[in-house]
Amino acid sequence: MDRFAFYSKSADKAPGKGVNEILSGDPGKYKELSKIKDWRKVLSNFHVYPFRYDGYTWNSIEHVFQAKKIEIVSAKMAFKFTRESGSELGLGDGAMARKNRKLVMLSGNQLRQWDEMKDRIMREAAIEKYKACEEALNVLKLTGEAELYHLERVRGKASNLVHFKHLEDIRSSYF
């Protein structure tokens, strides 16, 4: 099975040549994908492309993800992640959204609540982004049947591969 790994600062390399990637067959089947500059970054939650979700416009999936976590404590603070807020944060990139993930602290009960809802929110936000962004949907399509993994980085070093099955599910439901 082919596997692609990506994150917001992925190098622009040919499919199968990225960190932690595997190609089990003919790399020619990804010829069209290899023509798209920085295609891995398009798959990242940090990729900026405004889309509508839950009544607001968001710059990235990361904006939604962090806002919905913060919303458990403060709807006012979470609103800052939307484009409608006009804030620097709401109009910023995914890295800015991630950097502001600790605007509030969640209690143990709130963290359990977040754990129960975070996968659903990630999936729903991704669906809306991919419906809105033709480029992203095309990149997703061109990944074929490869497994898709997000490369988590801690202190600038690769640390963990997270299977983004929700992207594979979106891909299979659209194609």
Protein backbone atom coordinates (compact mmCIF):
# COMPACT_ATOMS: atom_id res chain seq x y z
CA MET A 1 0.00 0.00 0.00
CA ASP A 2 1.28 3.45 -0.91
CA ARG A 3 1.62 6.00 1.87
CA PHE A 4 2.03 9.76 1.76
CA ALA A 5 3.00 11.88 4.74
CA PHE A 6 2.55 15.63 4.96
CA TYR A 7 2.57 18.65 7.21
CA SER A 8 2.48 22.41 6.78
CA LYS A 9 6.17 22.72 5.90
CA SER A 10 6.58 19.58 3.79
CA ALA A 11 9.31 19.71 1.18
CA ASP A 12 8.20 19.86 -2.44
CA LYS A 13 9.35 16.39 -3.48
CA ALA A 14 7.96 13.80 -5.86
CA PRO A 15 5.29 11.45 -4.50
CA GLY A 16 6.99 8.69 -2.53
CA LYS A 17 10.14 10.74 -1.93
CA GLY A 18 8.89 12.55 1.17
CA VAL A 19 9.69 11.65 4.77
CA ASN A 20 8.02 8.37 5.86
CA GLU A 21 6.51 7.74 2.43
CA ILE A 22 6.16 4.39 0.72
CA LEU A 23 5.44 3.57 -2.92
CA SER A 24 4.72 -0.09 -3.51
CA GLY A 25 4.14 0.13 -7.24
CA ASP A 26 4.59 2.32 -10.26
CA PRO A 27 5.39 5.93 -9.31
CA GLY A 28 4.03 6.90 -12.74
CA LYS A 29 0.50 6.65 -11.40
CA TYR A 30 1.21 9.88 -9.48
CA LYS A 31 2.54 11.77 -12.51
CA GLU A 32 -0.20 14.44 -12.36
CA LEU A 33 0.19 14.84 -8.60
CA SER A 34 3.94 15.39 -8.98
CA LYS A 35 3.24 18.38 -11.27
CA ILE A 36 1.48 20.28 -8.45
CA LYS A 37 3.90 22.44 -6.49
CA ASP A 38 3.72 21.85 -2.73
CA TRP A 39 0.83 19.38 -3.00
CA ARG A 40 1.55 18.02 0.48
CA LYS A 41 1.01 21.47 2.02
CA VAL A 42 -2.45 21.58 0.41
CA LEU A 43 -3.40 18.46 2.41
CA SER A 44 -2.28 20.08 5.67
CA ASN A 45 -4.77 21.55 8.14
CA PHE A 46 -2.71 24.76 7.94
CA HIS A 47 -3.43 25.27 4.21
CA VAL A 48 -5.18 28.63 3.85
CA TYR A 49 -8.32 28.62 1.78
CA PRO A 50 -11.38 30.37 3.25
CA PHE A 51 -14.45 28.15 3.62
CA ARG A 52 -17.75 28.18 5.49
CA TYR A 53 -18.42 25.94 8.47
CA ASP A 54 -20.94 26.18 11.29
CA GLY A 55 -22.13 29.64 10.22
CA TYR A 56 -18.71 31.29 9.94
CA THR A 57 -15.85 31.64 7.47
CA TRP A 58 -12.51 30.13 8.44
CA ASN A 59 -9.07 30.50 6.86
CA SER A 60 -8.00 26.91 7.56
CA ILE A 61 -9.09 23.67 9.14
CA GLU A 62 -6.66 24.47 11.96
CA HIS A 63 -8.66 27.62 12.73
CA VAL A 64 -11.83 25.57 13.15
CA PHE A 65 -10.09 22.90 15.18
CA GLN A 66 -8.57 25.31 17.70
CA ALA A 67 -11.67 27.53 17.90
CA LYS A 68 -14.02 24.64 18.62
CA LYS A 69 -11.76 23.49 21.44
CA ILE A 70 -11.62 27.00 22.91
CA GLU A 71 -15.37 27.43 22.44
CA ILE A 72 -15.94 24.84 25.19
CA VAL A 73 -14.69 27.53 27.60
CA SER A 74 -15.34 30.82 25.78
CA ALA A 75 -17.40 31.48 22.65
CA LYS A 76 -16.03 35.05 22.64
CA MET A 77 -12.41 33.85 22.47
CA ALA A 78 -13.29 31.20 19.87
CA PHE A 79 -14.90 33.85 17.63
CA LYS A 80 -11.44 35.45 17.20
CA PHE A 81 -10.50 32.50 14.96
CA THR A 82 -13.19 33.41 12.38
CA ARG A 83 -12.70 35.74 9.42
CA GLU A 84 -15.84 37.58 10.52
CA SER A 85 -14.01 38.70 13.68
CA GLY A 86 -11.66 40.80 11.53
CA SER A 87 -8.91 39.91 14.01
CA GLU A 88 -5.34 39.27 13.00
CA LEU A 89 -5.84 35.71 14.24
CA GLY A 90 -8.98 35.12 12.17
CA LEU A 91 -7.32 36.51 9.06
CA GLY A 92 -4.00 34.76 9.72
CA ASP A 93 -2.59 31.43 8.65
CA GLY A 94 -2.87 27.98 10.19
CA ALA A 95 0.40 28.40 12.09
CA MET A 96 -1.07 31.42 13.84
CA ALA A 97 -4.18 29.44 14.75
CA ARG A 98 -2.05 26.65 16.20
CA LYS A 99 0.11 29.13 18.11
CA ASN A 100 -3.03 30.51 19.81
CA ARG A 101 -4.39 27.11 20.83
CA LYS A 102 -3.91 27.88 24.53
CA LEU A 103 -5.89 31.10 24.79
CA VAL A 104 -7.87 29.28 27.49
CA MET A 105 -7.14 26.26 29.64
CA LEU A 106 -9.54 23.32 29.62
CA SER A 107 -10.41 21.45 32.80
CA GLY A 108 -10.25 17.66 32.93
CA ASN A 109 -13.97 17.38 32.14
CA GLN A 110 -13.64 19.86 29.29
CA LEU A 111 -10.68 17.93 27.87
CA ARG A 112 -12.76 14.74 27.92
CA GLN A 113 -15.56 16.62 26.15
CA TRP A 114 -13.06 17.81 23.53
CA ASP A 115 -11.68 14.30 23.05
CA GLU A 116 -15.20 13.06 22.31
CA MET A 117 -15.85 15.69 19.63
CA LYS A 118 -12.50 16.52 18.02
CA ASP A 119 -12.51 13.80 15.34
CA ARG A 120 -16.03 14.75 14.22
CA ILE A 121 -15.07 18.43 14.01
CA MET A 122 -11.90 17.64 12.05
CA ARG A 123 -13.90 15.56 9.58
CA GLU A 124 -16.73 18.10 9.18
CA ALA A 125 -14.33 21.03 8.69
CA ALA A 126 -12.29 19.03 6.16
CA ILE A 127 -15.43 18.17 4.18
CA GLU A 128 -16.35 21.86 3.94
CA LYS A 129 -12.81 22.91 2.99
CA TYR A 130 -12.54 20.27 0.26
CA LYS A 131 -15.98 21.15 -1.10
CA ALA A 132 -14.94 24.81 -1.31
CA CYS A 133 -11.39 24.41 -2.62
CA GLU A 134 -11.14 22.85 -6.06
CA GLU A 135 -7.33 22.72 -5.87
CA ALA A 136 -7.41 20.77 -2.59
CA LEU A 137 -10.06 18.38 -3.88
CA ASN A 138 -7.96 17.75 -7.00
CA VAL A 139 -4.83 17.07 -4.92
CA LEU A 140 -6.82 14.69 -2.73
CA LYS A 141 -8.14 12.89 -5.82
CA LEU A 142 -4.65 12.56 -7.29
CA THR A 143 -3.39 10.77 -4.16
CA GLY A 144 -5.28 7.76 -5.56
CA GLU A 145 -5.67 5.02 -3.00
CA ALA A 146 -2.60 5.93 -0.94
CA GLU A 147 -2.91 6.06 2.82
CA LEU A 148 -2.62 9.62 4.07
CA TYR A 149 -0.70 10.54 7.21
CA HIS A 150 -0.09 13.84 8.91
CA LEU A 151 3.42 14.16 10.26
CA GLU A 152 3.33 15.73 13.70
CA ARG A 153 6.41 17.68 14.59
CA VAL A 154 7.57 18.53 18.07
CA ARG A 155 10.29 21.13 18.50
CA GLY A 156 10.95 21.00 14.76
CA LYS A 157 11.53 17.25 14.61
CA ALA A 158 9.33 14.54 13.12
CA SER A 159 7.75 12.71 16.01
CA ASN A 160 4.55 10.91 15.07
CA LEU A 161 2.48 9.85 12.07
CA VAL A 162 -1.27 10.40 12.46
CA HIS A 163 -3.48 8.52 10.02
CA PHE A 164 -5.84 11.06 8.42
CA LYS A 165 -8.44 8.45 7.54
CA HIS A 166 -11.05 11.19 7.29
CA LEU A 167 -9.26 12.50 4.18
CA GLU A 168 -9.25 9.02 2.67
CA ASP A 169 -12.99 8.79 3.42
CA ILE A 170 -13.62 12.18 1.79
CA ARG A 171 -11.58 11.10 -1.23
CA SER A 172 -13.52 7.87 -1.62
CA SER A 173 -16.90 9.58 -1.21
CA TYR A 174 -16.13 12.13 -3.95
CA PHE A 175 -14.48 9.82 -6.51
